[in-house]
Amino acid sequence: MKKLGIFALGLFCLVYLLNPSAGIFEIIPDNLPLIGNLDEAAALTTLLMCLKYFGFELPDLFRRDDKDKDITIK
């Protein structure tokens, strides 16, 4: 049940960040100076935490293996 809740929260954050309603669905309006993008930052942080719970960490996605470093171009 916990995994389902975390998955649903991550899915909500992803939909909120993609914002298919073109700005109609906003918690904090983006036209407010300095605080307008705090809701997107919170949604991104929550999404990254949900992905980390399921084993997907952002640094691991871009890390090279040692065998990739052995390839030299001559």
N, C-alpha and C. Protein backbone atom coordinates (compact mmCIF):
# COMPACT_ATOMS: atom_id res chain seq x y z
N MET A 1 0.83 -1.20 0.00
CA MET A 1 0.00 0.00 0.00
C MET A 1 0.87 1.26 0.00
N LYS A 2 2.02 1.18 0.72
CA LYS A 2 2.92 2.33 0.78
C LYS A 2 3.51 2.62 -0.60
N LYS A 3 3.90 1.57 -1.32
CA LYS A 3 4.47 1.74 -2.65
C LYS A 3 3.47 2.37 -3.61
N LEU A 4 2.21 1.98 -3.49
CA LEU A 4 1.18 2.56 -4.34
C LEU A 4 1.00 4.06 -4.06
N GLY A 5 1.04 4.43 -2.79
CA GLY A 5 0.92 5.85 -2.43
C GLY A 5 2.09 6.67 -2.93
N ILE A 6 3.29 6.12 -2.81
CA ILE A 6 4.48 6.84 -3.29
C ILE A 6 4.46 6.93 -4.81
N PHE A 7 4.02 5.87 -5.47
CA PHE A 7 3.89 5.91 -6.93
C PHE A 7 2.87 6.96 -7.36
N ALA A 8 1.74 7.02 -6.67
CA ALA A 8 0.70 8.00 -7.01
C ALA A 8 1.20 9.43 -6.78
N LEU A 9 1.95 9.63 -5.69
CA LEU A 9 2.51 10.95 -5.42
C LEU A 9 3.51 11.35 -6.51
N GLY A 10 4.36 10.41 -6.91
CA GLY A 10 5.31 10.69 -7.98
C GLY A 10 4.62 10.98 -9.30
N LEU A 11 3.57 10.24 -9.59
CA LEU A 11 2.81 10.47 -10.82
C LEU A 11 2.13 11.84 -10.79
N PHE A 12 1.58 12.22 -9.64
CA PHE A 12 0.97 13.54 -9.51
C PHE A 12 2.01 14.64 -9.74
N CYS A 13 3.20 14.46 -9.16
CA CYS A 13 4.26 15.47 -9.34
C CYS A 13 4.69 15.56 -10.80
N LEU A 14 4.79 14.43 -11.48
CA LEU A 14 5.16 14.43 -12.89
C LEU A 14 4.11 15.15 -13.73
N VAL A 15 2.86 14.85 -13.49
CA VAL A 15 1.78 15.53 -14.23
C VAL A 15 1.77 17.01 -13.92
N TYR A 16 2.02 17.38 -12.66
CA TYR A 16 2.05 18.78 -12.29
C TYR A 16 3.19 19.50 -12.99
N LEU A 17 4.34 18.84 -13.11
CA LEU A 17 5.47 19.48 -13.77
C LEU A 17 5.27 19.57 -15.28
N LEU A 18 4.65 18.57 -15.87
CA LEU A 18 4.36 18.63 -17.30
C LEU A 18 3.26 19.65 -17.60
N ASN A 19 2.37 19.84 -16.64
CA ASN A 19 1.33 20.87 -16.69
C ASN A 19 0.54 20.87 -18.00
N PRO A 20 -0.20 19.81 -18.24
CA PRO A 20 -0.92 19.74 -19.50
C PRO A 20 -2.05 20.76 -19.63
N SER A 21 -2.42 21.39 -18.55
CA SER A 21 -3.52 22.36 -18.62
C SER A 21 -3.03 23.77 -18.93
N ALA A 22 -1.78 23.92 -19.31
CA ALA A 22 -1.20 25.20 -19.74
C ALA A 22 -1.32 26.28 -18.69
N GLY A 23 -1.09 25.95 -17.45
CA GLY A 23 -1.05 26.95 -16.40
C GLY A 23 -2.35 27.15 -15.65
N ILE A 24 -3.41 26.45 -15.98
CA ILE A 24 -4.68 26.61 -15.28
C ILE A 24 -4.58 25.96 -13.90
N PHE A 25 -3.88 24.84 -13.83
CA PHE A 25 -3.72 24.10 -12.58
C PHE A 25 -2.43 24.53 -11.90
N GLU A 26 -2.47 25.56 -11.08
CA GLU A 26 -1.30 26.08 -10.39
C GLU A 26 -1.61 26.24 -8.90
N ILE A 27 -0.68 25.83 -8.07
CA ILE A 27 -0.84 26.06 -6.63
C ILE A 27 -0.42 27.49 -6.30
N ILE A 28 0.75 27.89 -6.78
CA ILE A 28 1.22 29.27 -6.64
C ILE A 28 1.38 29.83 -8.05
N PRO A 29 0.73 30.93 -8.38
CA PRO A 29 0.86 31.48 -9.74
C PRO A 29 2.31 31.86 -10.05
N ASP A 30 2.75 31.57 -11.27
CA ASP A 30 4.14 31.83 -11.66
C ASP A 30 4.45 33.30 -11.83
N ASN A 31 3.46 34.15 -11.93
CA ASN A 31 3.73 35.57 -12.13
C ASN A 31 4.05 36.30 -10.83
N LEU A 32 4.03 35.63 -9.69
CA LEU A 32 4.45 36.25 -8.43
C LEU A 32 5.98 36.23 -8.37
N PRO A 33 6.61 37.38 -8.15
CA PRO A 33 8.07 37.41 -8.15
C PRO A 33 8.65 36.60 -6.98
N LEU A 34 9.72 35.90 -7.25
CA LEU A 34 10.52 35.13 -6.31
C LEU A 34 9.85 33.88 -5.75
N ILE A 35 8.56 33.88 -5.56
CA ILE A 35 7.92 32.68 -4.98
C ILE A 35 7.07 31.94 -6.00
N GLY A 36 7.02 32.43 -7.21
CA GLY A 36 6.16 31.83 -8.23
C GLY A 36 6.56 30.44 -8.64
N ASN A 37 7.84 30.11 -8.53
CA ASN A 37 8.30 28.80 -8.97
C ASN A 37 8.59 27.86 -7.81
N LEU A 38 8.21 28.21 -6.61
CA LEU A 38 8.46 27.34 -5.47
C LEU A 38 7.64 26.06 -5.54
N ASP A 39 6.44 26.12 -6.09
CA ASP A 39 5.63 24.91 -6.18
C ASP A 39 6.24 23.92 -7.18
N GLU A 40 6.82 24.42 -8.27
CA GLU A 40 7.49 23.52 -9.20
C GLU A 40 8.75 22.92 -8.59
N ALA A 41 9.48 23.71 -7.80
CA ALA A 41 10.67 23.19 -7.12
C ALA A 41 10.30 22.11 -6.12
N ALA A 42 9.21 22.31 -5.40
CA ALA A 42 8.76 21.30 -4.44
C ALA A 42 8.29 20.04 -5.16
N ALA A 43 7.61 20.21 -6.28
CA ALA A 43 7.15 19.04 -7.05
C ALA A 43 8.34 18.27 -7.62
N LEU A 44 9.36 18.97 -8.10
CA LEU A 44 10.55 18.30 -8.63
C LEU A 44 11.29 17.56 -7.53
N THR A 45 11.44 18.19 -6.37
CA THR A 45 12.10 17.54 -5.24
C THR A 45 11.34 16.29 -4.81
N THR A 46 10.03 16.39 -4.73
CA THR A 46 9.22 15.23 -4.35
C THR A 46 9.31 14.12 -5.39
N LEU A 47 9.31 14.49 -6.67
CA LEU A 47 9.44 13.49 -7.73
C LEU A 47 10.78 12.77 -7.64
N LEU A 48 11.86 13.52 -7.39
CA LEU A 48 13.18 12.90 -7.26
C LEU A 48 13.24 11.98 -6.04
N MET A 49 12.58 12.36 -4.96
CA MET A 49 12.54 11.50 -3.78
C MET A 49 11.74 10.23 -4.05
N CYS A 50 10.66 10.33 -4.80
CA CYS A 50 9.88 9.14 -5.16
C CYS A 50 10.68 8.22 -6.07
N LEU A 51 11.41 8.79 -7.02
CA LEU A 51 12.25 7.98 -7.89
C LEU A 51 13.36 7.30 -7.10
N LYS A 52 13.92 8.00 -6.13
CA LYS A 52 14.97 7.41 -5.30
C LYS A 52 14.41 6.26 -4.46
N TYR A 53 13.18 6.36 -4.02
CA TYR A 53 12.56 5.29 -3.25
C TYR A 53 12.49 4.00 -4.08
N PHE A 54 12.23 4.14 -5.38
CA PHE A 54 12.13 2.98 -6.25
C PHE A 54 13.47 2.58 -6.86
N GLY A 55 14.56 3.24 -6.47
CA GLY A 55 15.88 2.84 -6.90
C GLY A 55 16.44 3.57 -8.10
N PHE A 56 15.79 4.61 -8.56
CA PHE A 56 16.29 5.41 -9.68
C PHE A 56 16.88 6.70 -9.13
N GLU A 57 18.20 6.79 -9.14
CA GLU A 57 18.84 8.00 -8.66
C GLU A 57 19.44 8.74 -9.85
N LEU A 58 19.29 10.03 -9.89
CA LEU A 58 19.74 10.82 -11.02
C LEU A 58 21.24 10.70 -11.27
N PRO A 59 22.12 10.75 -10.27
CA PRO A 59 23.55 10.59 -10.57
C PRO A 59 23.88 9.24 -11.19
N ASP A 60 23.16 8.20 -10.83
CA ASP A 60 23.43 6.87 -11.39
C ASP A 60 23.06 6.78 -12.86
N LEU A 61 22.12 7.58 -13.31
CA LEU A 61 21.70 7.53 -14.71
C LEU A 61 22.78 8.06 -15.65
N PHE A 62 23.63 8.98 -15.17
CA PHE A 62 24.63 9.62 -16.01
C PHE A 62 26.05 9.16 -15.70
N ARG A 63 26.21 8.19 -14.83
CA ARG A 63 27.53 7.70 -14.45
C ARG A 63 28.04 6.73 -15.50
N ARG A 64 29.32 6.88 -15.83
CA ARG A 64 29.95 5.96 -16.77
C ARG A 64 30.57 4.80 -16.02
N ASP A 65 30.57 3.66 -16.64
CA ASP A 65 31.25 2.50 -16.08
C ASP A 65 32.74 2.59 -16.40
N ASP A 66 33.56 1.83 -15.68
CA ASP A 66 35.00 1.83 -15.93
C ASP A 66 35.34 1.25 -17.30
N LYS A 67 34.53 0.33 -17.77
CA LYS A 67 34.82 -0.26 -19.08
C LYS A 67 34.59 0.74 -20.21
N ASP A 68 33.74 1.75 -19.99
CA ASP A 68 33.53 2.78 -21.00
C ASP A 68 34.73 3.72 -21.10
N LYS A 69 35.51 3.84 -20.03
CA LYS A 69 36.67 4.73 -20.02
C LYS A 69 37.85 4.12 -20.76
N ASP A 70 37.88 2.80 -20.94
CA ASP A 70 39.01 2.14 -21.59
C ASP A 70 39.03 2.34 -23.10
N ILE A 71 37.95 2.82 -23.64
CA ILE A 71 37.88 3.03 -25.09
C ILE A 71 38.65 4.29 -25.44
N THR A 72 39.65 4.14 -26.28
CA THR A 72 40.45 5.29 -26.70
C THR A 72 40.26 5.50 -28.18
N ILE A 73 40.29 6.74 -28.57
CA ILE A 73 40.15 7.09 -29.99
C ILE A 73 41.52 7.47 -30.51
N LYS A 74 41.95 6.78 -31.55
CA LYS A 74 43.29 7.05 -32.12
C LYS A 74 43.18 7.56 -33.52
